């Protein structure tokens, strides 16, 4: 009985964490672009070594905001699916359709975010290069070790979601038999 209470409390805690993250992602995207001059060095990483990141006009900031907000919204959508899985688990309903669909949604979003991240980074480079006269019109598409690792993590999550779906189907068949 103690394991059930511990699992339930952990699932409840994780449901709050995923909700906070789902809210924080779009808020952080907005904050980055609203306070660009103060936060640009944190948001651009190593790109600040190549481009003048503080010389962005209103149009470039709006384009960057739209790009980052779209990415944050997709991630938040996935996290809210994962939150549903945690909420179901907190109630002791780990193999419900709602729990399974929430996890499946998170898994697919995790996989999709690999490609969205590549597009986001490429878009940011285009925005920065168009705003920097010394590097105008640069385009760089990046697929390195971190993207490869994220790709395999996304594939793993999709696979686990598929295994859970098979487990739920077997459980439903057993329940119908008995």
Protein backbone atom coordinates (compact mmCIF):
# COMPACT_ATOMS: atom_id res chain seq x y z
CA UNK A 1 0.00 0.00 0.00
CA UNK A 2 2.89 2.32 0.72
CA UNK A 3 4.20 1.98 -2.86
CA UNK A 4 0.83 3.08 -4.22
CA UNK A 5 0.82 6.17 -2.03
CA UNK A 6 4.42 6.98 -2.97
CA UNK A 7 3.68 6.50 -6.67
CA UNK A 8 0.53 8.57 -6.39
CA UNK A 9 2.35 11.41 -4.63
CA UNK A 10 5.17 11.31 -7.18
CA UNK A 11 2.70 11.35 -10.08
CA UNK A 12 0.86 14.30 -8.50
CA UNK A 13 4.15 16.17 -8.02
CA UNK A 14 5.18 15.46 -11.62
CA UNK A 15 1.78 16.65 -12.88
CA UNK A 16 2.44 20.02 -11.22
CA UNK A 17 5.97 20.19 -12.63
CA UNK A 18 4.73 19.50 -16.17
CA UNK A 19 2.00 22.12 -15.80
CA UNK A 20 4.52 24.71 -14.62
CA UNK A 21 6.84 23.84 -17.53
CA UNK A 22 3.97 24.02 -20.05
CA UNK A 23 3.15 27.52 -18.82
CA UNK A 24 6.78 28.63 -18.45
CA UNK A 25 7.84 27.74 -22.01
CA UNK A 26 5.64 30.29 -23.84
CA UNK A 27 6.24 32.88 -21.10
CA UNK A 28 10.01 32.41 -21.46
CA UNK A 29 9.73 32.72 -25.25
CA UNK A 30 7.88 36.01 -24.85
CA UNK A 31 10.33 37.28 -22.23
CA UNK A 32 13.34 36.51 -24.41
CA UNK A 33 12.03 38.58 -27.29
CA UNK A 34 10.48 41.36 -25.19
CA UNK A 35 13.74 41.86 -23.31
CA UNK A 36 16.02 40.90 -26.19
CA UNK A 37 18.89 43.26 -25.42
CA UNK A 38 19.19 41.88 -21.88
CA UNK A 39 18.59 38.20 -22.72
CA UNK A 40 20.05 37.85 -26.23
CA UNK A 41 23.36 36.45 -25.04
CA UNK A 42 21.56 33.67 -23.14
CA UNK A 43 19.10 32.89 -25.94
CA UNK A 44 21.63 32.68 -28.75
CA UNK A 45 24.44 30.68 -27.16
CA UNK A 46 27.52 30.62 -29.39
CA UNK A 47 25.79 32.59 -32.15
CA UNK A 48 26.68 35.81 -30.34
CA UNK A 49 30.31 35.12 -31.25
CA UNK A 50 29.43 35.30 -34.96
CA UNK A 51 26.54 37.75 -35.20
CA UNK A 52 25.66 41.11 -33.69
CA UNK A 53 22.74 39.77 -31.66
CA UNK A 54 21.71 43.12 -30.20
CA UNK A 55 21.13 44.90 -33.48
CA UNK A 56 17.71 43.43 -34.21
CA UNK A 57 14.88 45.62 -35.40
CA UNK A 58 11.22 45.25 -34.55
CA UNK A 59 10.48 43.02 -37.55
CA UNK A 60 13.32 40.64 -36.72
CA UNK A 61 12.25 40.49 -33.09
CA UNK A 62 8.68 39.73 -34.11
CA UNK A 63 9.85 36.97 -36.47
CA UNK A 64 12.03 35.51 -33.71
CA UNK A 65 9.19 35.70 -31.22
CA UNK A 66 6.83 33.89 -33.62
CA UNK A 67 9.46 31.19 -34.25
CA UNK A 68 10.19 30.64 -30.55
CA UNK A 69 6.51 30.85 -29.52
CA UNK A 70 5.52 28.20 -32.08
CA UNK A 71 8.19 25.88 -30.72
CA UNK A 72 7.16 26.57 -27.12
CA UNK A 73 3.49 25.94 -27.95
CA UNK A 74 4.30 22.57 -29.50
CA UNK A 75 6.37 21.59 -26.46
CA UNK A 76 3.62 22.78 -24.09
CA UNK A 77 1.08 20.67 -26.00
CA UNK A 78 3.27 17.60 -25.46
CA UNK A 79 3.82 18.39 -21.80
CA UNK A 80 0.10 18.75 -21.19
CA UNK A 81 -0.34 15.27 -22.64
CA UNK A 82 2.30 13.96 -20.26
CA UNK A 83 0.54 15.78 -17.42
CA UNK A 84 -2.63 13.86 -18.24
CA UNK A 85 -0.65 10.62 -17.91
CA UNK A 86 0.61 11.72 -14.49
CA UNK A 87 -2.88 12.76 -13.35
CA UNK A 88 -4.28 9.38 -14.33
CA UNK A 89 -1.43 7.63 -12.52
CA UNK A 90 -2.05 9.74 -9.42
CA UNK A 91 -5.59 8.35 -9.37
CA UNK A 92 -4.32 4.78 -9.80
CA UNK A 93 -5.48 4.55 -13.42
CA UNK A 94 -2.21 3.88 -15.22
CA UNK A 95 -3.59 1.94 -18.19
CA UNK A 96 -6.50 4.10 -19.23
CA UNK A 97 -6.94 5.40 -22.75
CA UNK A 98 -6.42 8.93 -21.45
CA UNK A 99 -3.10 8.05 -19.79
CA UNK A 100 -1.92 6.19 -22.86
CA UNK A 101 -2.95 8.95 -25.27
CA UNK A 102 -1.25 11.57 -23.11
CA UNK A 103 2.01 9.67 -23.09
CA UNK A 104 1.75 8.91 -26.81
CA UNK A 105 1.22 12.62 -27.52
CA UNK A 106 4.28 13.53 -25.44
CA UNK A 107 6.36 10.87 -27.21
CA UNK A 108 5.44 12.07 -30.70
CA UNK A 109 5.96 15.71 -29.75
CA UNK A 110 9.40 14.79 -28.37
CA UNK A 111 10.28 13.23 -31.70
CA UNK A 112 8.84 16.11 -33.72
CA UNK A 113 10.73 18.63 -31.57
CA UNK A 114 14.03 17.32 -32.96
CA UNK A 115 13.07 18.66 -36.38
CA UNK A 116 11.34 21.75 -34.99
CA UNK A 117 14.54 22.54 -33.08
CA UNK A 118 16.58 22.30 -36.26
CA UNK A 119 14.14 24.63 -38.04
CA UNK A 120 14.14 27.02 -35.06
CA UNK A 121 17.94 27.20 -34.96
CA UNK A 122 18.12 27.68 -38.72
CA UNK A 123 15.45 30.39 -38.57
CA UNK A 124 17.30 32.17 -35.78
CA UNK A 125 20.48 32.16 -37.87
CA UNK A 126 18.58 33.60 -40.84
CA UNK A 127 17.04 36.31 -38.63
CA UNK A 128 20.40 37.21 -37.10
CA UNK A 129 22.22 37.16 -40.44
CA UNK A 130 19.66 39.42 -42.12
CA UNK A 131 20.09 41.92 -39.27
CA UNK A 132 23.90 41.84 -39.32
CA UNK A 133 25.40 43.62 -42.36
CA UNK A 134 28.71 41.78 -41.99
CA UNK A 135 27.06 38.34 -42.35
CA UNK A 136 23.97 39.16 -44.36
CA UNK A 137 22.10 36.25 -45.92
CA UNK A 138 23.82 33.38 -44.09
CA UNK A 139 22.08 30.05 -43.79
CA UNK A 140 23.21 27.19 -41.60
CA UNK A 141 21.40 23.94 -40.92
CA UNK A 142 22.78 22.00 -38.01
CA UNK A 143 22.40 18.31 -37.18
CA UNK A 144 24.97 17.22 -34.64
CA UNK A 145 25.41 14.97 -31.65
CA UNK A 146 22.75 16.67 -29.50
CA UNK A 147 20.16 16.44 -32.28
CA UNK A 148 21.05 12.80 -32.89
CA UNK A 149 20.69 12.06 -29.17
CA UNK A 150 17.32 13.83 -29.08
CA UNK A 151 16.23 11.89 -32.17
CA UNK A 152 16.96 8.56 -30.51
CA UNK A 153 15.30 9.66 -27.27
CA UNK A 154 12.20 10.62 -29.26
CA UNK A 155 12.24 7.29 -31.07
CA UNK A 156 12.60 5.49 -27.74
CA UNK A 157 9.61 7.35 -26.28
CA UNK A 158 7.48 6.55 -29.33
CA UNK A 159 8.49 2.89 -29.02
CA UNK A 160 7.63 2.83 -25.29
CA UNK A 161 4.26 4.44 -26.06
CA UNK A 162 3.65 1.68 -28.61
CA UNK A 163 4.58 -1.01 -26.04
CA UNK A 164 2.23 0.60 -23.50
CA UNK A 165 -0.56 0.53 -26.09
CA UNK A 166 0.02 -3.19 -26.61
CA UNK A 167 -0.01 -3.68 -22.83
CA UNK A 168 -3.31 -1.83 -22.54
CA UNK A 169 -4.77 -3.91 -25.35
CA UNK A 170 -3.70 -7.13 -23.61
CA UNK A 171 -5.15 -5.85 -20.30
CA UNK A 172 -8.44 -4.97 -21.99
CA UNK A 173 -8.60 -8.43 -23.61
CA UNK A 174 -7.90 -10.11 -20.25
CA UNK A 175 -10.51 -7.97 -18.50
CA UNK A 176 -13.08 -8.84 -21.19
CA UNK A 177 -12.25 -12.55 -20.88
CA UNK A 178 -12.67 -12.63 -17.12
